[in-house]
Amino acid sequence: MLALRRDDTAACARVGITVTKKIGGAVVRNRLKRRLRSAIRAVVPQHGRAGTDYVLIGRSDGLSRPMIDLMRDLTQGLQKLSKSRPLEQKA
């Protein structure tokens, strides 16, 4: 997961998802993206930082991992990123 702090005063966190072709064909990649979107909807409103862009990079483990574990991993990642400084700031 990557984070980018925006300078605007937006009241929401934005999230993007990327899944490479190494994971599998379009059907497999889309299944993983659907699972990640579901986890995002459940976790980011509570744990995401307003005015921050997040990028999730899909890994093949996400296909077989239980949904509760995906949500817990996402929560831990967001908490870890909120303690550290975002990678860069937009000018």
N, C-alpha and C. Protein backbone atom coordinates (compact mmCIF):
# COMPACT_ATOMS: atom_id res chain seq x y z
N MET A 1 0.84 -1.16 0.00
CA MET A 1 0.00 0.00 0.00
C MET A 1 0.90 1.23 0.00
N LEU A 2 0.50 2.22 -0.76
CA LEU A 2 1.20 3.49 -0.84
C LEU A 2 0.24 4.59 -0.42
N ALA A 3 0.78 5.71 0.08
CA ALA A 3 -0.05 6.84 0.48
C ALA A 3 0.55 8.12 -0.06
N LEU A 4 -0.32 9.03 -0.44
CA LEU A 4 0.07 10.35 -0.92
C LEU A 4 -0.83 11.38 -0.28
N ARG A 5 -0.26 12.29 0.47
CA ARG A 5 -1.03 13.34 1.13
C ARG A 5 -1.33 14.44 0.12
N ARG A 6 -2.61 14.85 0.02
CA ARG A 6 -3.01 15.93 -0.87
C ARG A 6 -3.03 17.23 -0.08
N ASP A 7 -2.85 18.35 -0.78
CA ASP A 7 -2.87 19.65 -0.11
C ASP A 7 -4.27 20.24 -0.02
N ASP A 8 -5.21 19.67 -0.75
CA ASP A 8 -6.57 20.22 -0.69
C ASP A 8 -7.23 19.85 0.63
N THR A 9 -8.33 20.45 0.90
CA THR A 9 -9.03 20.21 2.17
C THR A 9 -10.20 19.25 1.98
N ALA A 10 -10.00 18.26 1.14
CA ALA A 10 -11.06 17.27 0.89
C ALA A 10 -11.36 16.51 2.17
N ALA A 11 -12.60 16.19 2.36
CA ALA A 11 -13.03 15.49 3.57
C ALA A 11 -13.04 13.99 3.41
N CYS A 12 -12.38 13.50 2.38
CA CYS A 12 -12.43 12.06 2.17
C CYS A 12 -11.06 11.54 1.75
N ALA A 13 -10.88 10.26 1.94
CA ALA A 13 -9.69 9.57 1.46
C ALA A 13 -10.05 8.90 0.14
N ARG A 14 -9.14 8.94 -0.81
CA ARG A 14 -9.38 8.29 -2.10
C ARG A 14 -8.51 7.05 -2.18
N VAL A 15 -9.03 6.01 -2.85
CA VAL A 15 -8.31 4.74 -2.93
C VAL A 15 -8.30 4.26 -4.37
N GLY A 16 -7.13 3.81 -4.81
CA GLY A 16 -6.99 3.18 -6.11
C GLY A 16 -6.47 1.76 -5.93
N ILE A 17 -6.77 0.91 -6.88
CA ILE A 17 -6.35 -0.49 -6.80
C ILE A 17 -5.62 -0.84 -8.09
N THR A 18 -4.51 -1.55 -7.96
CA THR A 18 -3.81 -2.04 -9.12
C THR A 18 -3.51 -3.52 -8.93
N VAL A 19 -3.75 -4.29 -9.99
CA VAL A 19 -3.47 -5.73 -9.98
C VAL A 19 -2.80 -6.05 -11.32
N THR A 20 -1.60 -6.60 -11.27
CA THR A 20 -0.85 -6.86 -12.50
C THR A 20 -1.31 -8.15 -13.17
N LYS A 21 -0.92 -8.31 -14.41
CA LYS A 21 -1.27 -9.52 -15.16
C LYS A 21 -0.57 -10.76 -14.63
N LYS A 22 0.46 -10.58 -13.81
CA LYS A 22 1.14 -11.72 -13.21
C LYS A 22 0.19 -12.52 -12.31
N ILE A 23 -0.83 -11.86 -11.79
CA ILE A 23 -1.79 -12.51 -10.89
C ILE A 23 -2.64 -13.51 -11.66
N GLY A 24 -2.99 -13.18 -12.89
CA GLY A 24 -3.81 -14.08 -13.69
C GLY A 24 -4.53 -13.32 -14.78
N GLY A 25 -5.50 -13.98 -15.38
CA GLY A 25 -6.28 -13.37 -16.44
C GLY A 25 -7.24 -12.32 -15.90
N ALA A 26 -8.02 -11.75 -16.79
CA ALA A 26 -8.93 -10.66 -16.43
C ALA A 26 -9.94 -11.09 -15.38
N VAL A 27 -10.45 -12.31 -15.48
CA VAL A 27 -11.45 -12.80 -14.52
C VAL A 27 -10.85 -12.86 -13.12
N VAL A 28 -9.65 -13.37 -13.02
CA VAL A 28 -8.98 -13.49 -11.72
C VAL A 28 -8.66 -12.11 -11.15
N ARG A 29 -8.14 -11.23 -12.01
CA ARG A 29 -7.80 -9.87 -11.54
C ARG A 29 -9.05 -9.13 -11.08
N ASN A 30 -10.13 -9.26 -11.82
CA ASN A 30 -11.36 -8.57 -11.42
C ASN A 30 -11.93 -9.14 -10.14
N ARG A 31 -11.82 -10.44 -9.92
CA ARG A 31 -12.28 -11.05 -8.67
C ARG A 31 -11.50 -10.47 -7.48
N LEU A 32 -10.19 -10.34 -7.64
CA LEU A 32 -9.36 -9.77 -6.58
C LEU A 32 -9.72 -8.31 -6.34
N LYS A 33 -9.94 -7.56 -7.40
CA LYS A 33 -10.32 -6.15 -7.24
C LYS A 33 -11.66 -6.01 -6.52
N ARG A 34 -12.62 -6.89 -6.82
CA ARG A 34 -13.92 -6.85 -6.12
C ARG A 34 -13.73 -7.12 -4.64
N ARG A 35 -12.89 -8.10 -4.30
CA ARG A 35 -12.63 -8.40 -2.89
C ARG A 35 -11.98 -7.21 -2.19
N LEU A 36 -11.02 -6.58 -2.85
CA LEU A 36 -10.35 -5.43 -2.25
C LEU A 36 -11.30 -4.25 -2.09
N ARG A 37 -12.16 -4.02 -3.09
CA ARG A 37 -13.15 -2.93 -2.98
C ARG A 37 -14.08 -3.14 -1.80
N SER A 38 -14.48 -4.37 -1.59
CA SER A 38 -15.36 -4.69 -0.47
C SER A 38 -14.66 -4.40 0.87
N ALA A 39 -13.40 -4.78 0.97
CA ALA A 39 -12.63 -4.50 2.19
C ALA A 39 -12.45 -3.00 2.37
N ILE A 40 -12.22 -2.28 1.28
CA ILE A 40 -12.05 -0.83 1.34
C ILE A 40 -13.30 -0.16 1.87
N ARG A 41 -14.46 -0.57 1.35
CA ARG A 41 -15.72 0.03 1.81
C ARG A 41 -15.95 -0.17 3.30
N ALA A 42 -15.47 -1.28 3.83
CA ALA A 42 -15.68 -1.59 5.24
C ALA A 42 -14.66 -0.90 6.14
N VAL A 43 -13.45 -0.65 5.66
CA VAL A 43 -12.36 -0.22 6.54
C VAL A 43 -11.98 1.25 6.38
N VAL A 44 -11.87 1.74 5.15
CA VAL A 44 -11.32 3.08 4.93
C VAL A 44 -12.13 4.20 5.58
N PRO A 45 -13.46 4.17 5.61
CA PRO A 45 -14.17 5.27 6.27
C PRO A 45 -13.79 5.44 7.75
N GLN A 46 -13.45 4.37 8.44
CA GLN A 46 -13.09 4.47 9.85
C GLN A 46 -11.60 4.73 10.05
N HIS A 47 -10.74 4.16 9.22
CA HIS A 47 -9.30 4.19 9.47
C HIS A 47 -8.49 5.01 8.47
N GLY A 48 -9.10 5.44 7.38
CA GLY A 48 -8.38 6.24 6.39
C GLY A 48 -8.25 7.68 6.86
N ARG A 49 -7.22 8.36 6.38
CA ARG A 49 -6.98 9.74 6.73
C ARG A 49 -7.56 10.64 5.65
N ALA A 50 -8.35 11.62 6.03
CA ALA A 50 -8.94 12.54 5.06
C ALA A 50 -7.83 13.29 4.33
N GLY A 51 -8.05 13.56 3.05
CA GLY A 51 -7.08 14.29 2.26
C GLY A 51 -5.88 13.44 1.85
N THR A 52 -6.04 12.12 1.84
CA THR A 52 -4.95 11.22 1.48
C THR A 52 -5.40 10.29 0.36
N ASP A 53 -4.51 10.07 -0.58
CA ASP A 53 -4.75 9.10 -1.65
C ASP A 53 -4.00 7.83 -1.29
N TYR A 54 -4.67 6.69 -1.38
CA TYR A 54 -4.06 5.40 -1.11
C TYR A 54 -4.08 4.56 -2.38
N VAL A 55 -3.03 3.77 -2.59
CA VAL A 55 -2.97 2.84 -3.70
C VAL A 55 -2.73 1.45 -3.14
N LEU A 56 -3.64 0.54 -3.39
CA LEU A 56 -3.50 -0.85 -2.97
C LEU A 56 -2.97 -1.65 -4.14
N ILE A 57 -1.96 -2.45 -3.87
CA ILE A 57 -1.37 -3.30 -4.89
C ILE A 57 -1.81 -4.73 -4.60
N GLY A 58 -2.62 -5.29 -5.47
CA GLY A 58 -3.18 -6.63 -5.27
C GLY A 58 -2.12 -7.71 -5.41
N ARG A 59 -2.12 -8.64 -4.49
CA ARG A 59 -1.22 -9.80 -4.52
C ARG A 59 -2.05 -11.07 -4.65
N SER A 60 -1.44 -12.13 -5.12
CA SER A 60 -2.18 -13.37 -5.38
C SER A 60 -2.76 -13.97 -4.10
N ASP A 61 -2.16 -13.72 -2.95
CA ASP A 61 -2.70 -14.24 -1.68
C ASP A 61 -4.10 -13.70 -1.40
N GLY A 62 -4.42 -12.55 -1.94
CA GLY A 62 -5.72 -11.93 -1.70
C GLY A 62 -6.89 -12.73 -2.23
N LEU A 63 -6.64 -13.64 -3.16
CA LEU A 63 -7.71 -14.44 -3.72
C LEU A 63 -8.18 -15.53 -2.77
N SER A 64 -7.27 -16.12 -2.03
CA SER A 64 -7.63 -17.24 -1.16
C SER A 64 -7.73 -16.84 0.31
N ARG A 65 -7.30 -15.66 0.63
CA ARG A 65 -7.30 -15.19 2.02
C ARG A 65 -8.74 -14.92 2.47
N PRO A 66 -9.11 -15.32 3.69
CA PRO A 66 -10.46 -15.01 4.19
C PRO A 66 -10.69 -13.49 4.25
N MET A 67 -11.92 -13.09 4.01
CA MET A 67 -12.25 -11.66 3.95
C MET A 67 -11.92 -10.95 5.25
N ILE A 68 -12.15 -11.57 6.38
CA ILE A 68 -11.86 -10.93 7.67
C ILE A 68 -10.37 -10.64 7.79
N ASP A 69 -9.53 -11.53 7.25
CA ASP A 69 -8.08 -11.30 7.28
C ASP A 69 -7.69 -10.16 6.35
N LEU A 70 -8.32 -10.07 5.18
CA LEU A 70 -8.06 -8.94 4.28
C LEU A 70 -8.40 -7.62 4.95
N MET A 71 -9.53 -7.57 5.62
CA MET A 71 -9.94 -6.34 6.29
C MET A 71 -8.99 -6.01 7.44
N ARG A 72 -8.54 -7.01 8.17
CA ARG A 72 -7.60 -6.78 9.27
C ARG A 72 -6.26 -6.28 8.72
N ASP A 73 -5.79 -6.88 7.61
CA ASP A 73 -4.54 -6.43 7.00
C ASP A 73 -4.64 -4.98 6.52
N LEU A 74 -5.77 -4.65 5.91
CA LEU A 74 -5.98 -3.28 5.44
C LEU A 74 -6.02 -2.31 6.62
N THR A 75 -6.68 -2.67 7.68
CA THR A 75 -6.74 -1.82 8.88
C THR A 75 -5.34 -1.60 9.44
N GLN A 76 -4.57 -2.65 9.55
CA GLN A 76 -3.21 -2.54 10.08
C GLN A 76 -2.34 -1.68 9.17
N GLY A 77 -2.49 -1.84 7.86
CA GLY A 77 -1.72 -1.03 6.92
C GLY A 77 -2.06 0.44 7.03
N LEU A 78 -3.35 0.75 7.14
CA LEU A 78 -3.76 2.15 7.28
C LEU A 78 -3.26 2.75 8.58
N GLN A 79 -3.30 1.98 9.66
CA GLN A 79 -2.81 2.47 10.94
C GLN A 79 -1.30 2.71 10.89
N LYS A 80 -0.59 1.83 10.24
CA LYS A 80 0.86 1.97 10.12
C LYS A 80 1.20 3.21 9.28
N LEU A 81 0.47 3.42 8.19
CA LEU A 81 0.71 4.59 7.36
C LEU A 81 0.33 5.88 8.06
N SER A 82 -0.69 5.85 8.92
CA SER A 82 -1.08 7.08 9.60
C SER A 82 -0.05 7.50 10.64
N LYS A 83 0.73 6.54 11.16
CA LYS A 83 1.79 6.87 12.12
C LYS A 83 3.02 7.43 11.42
N SER A 84 3.26 6.98 10.18
CA SER A 84 4.42 7.46 9.44
C SER A 84 4.02 8.61 8.53
N ARG A 85 5.00 9.29 8.02
CA ARG A 85 4.75 10.38 7.09
C ARG A 85 4.44 9.80 5.72
N PRO A 86 3.45 10.33 4.99
CA PRO A 86 3.17 9.83 3.64
C PRO A 86 4.40 9.96 2.75
N LEU A 87 4.46 9.18 1.69
CA LEU A 87 5.63 9.13 0.83
C LEU A 87 6.01 10.48 0.27
N GLU A 88 5.06 11.23 -0.18
CA GLU A 88 5.36 12.54 -0.76
C GLU A 88 4.12 13.40 -0.70
N GLN A 89 4.30 14.68 -0.92
CA GLN A 89 3.17 15.59 -0.94
C GLN A 89 3.08 16.24 -2.31
N LYS A 90 1.86 16.39 -2.78
CA LYS A 90 1.66 17.07 -4.05
C LYS A 90 1.95 18.54 -3.87
N ALA A 91 2.55 19.13 -4.87
CA ALA A 91 2.88 20.57 -4.79
C ALA A 91 1.75 21.39 -5.35
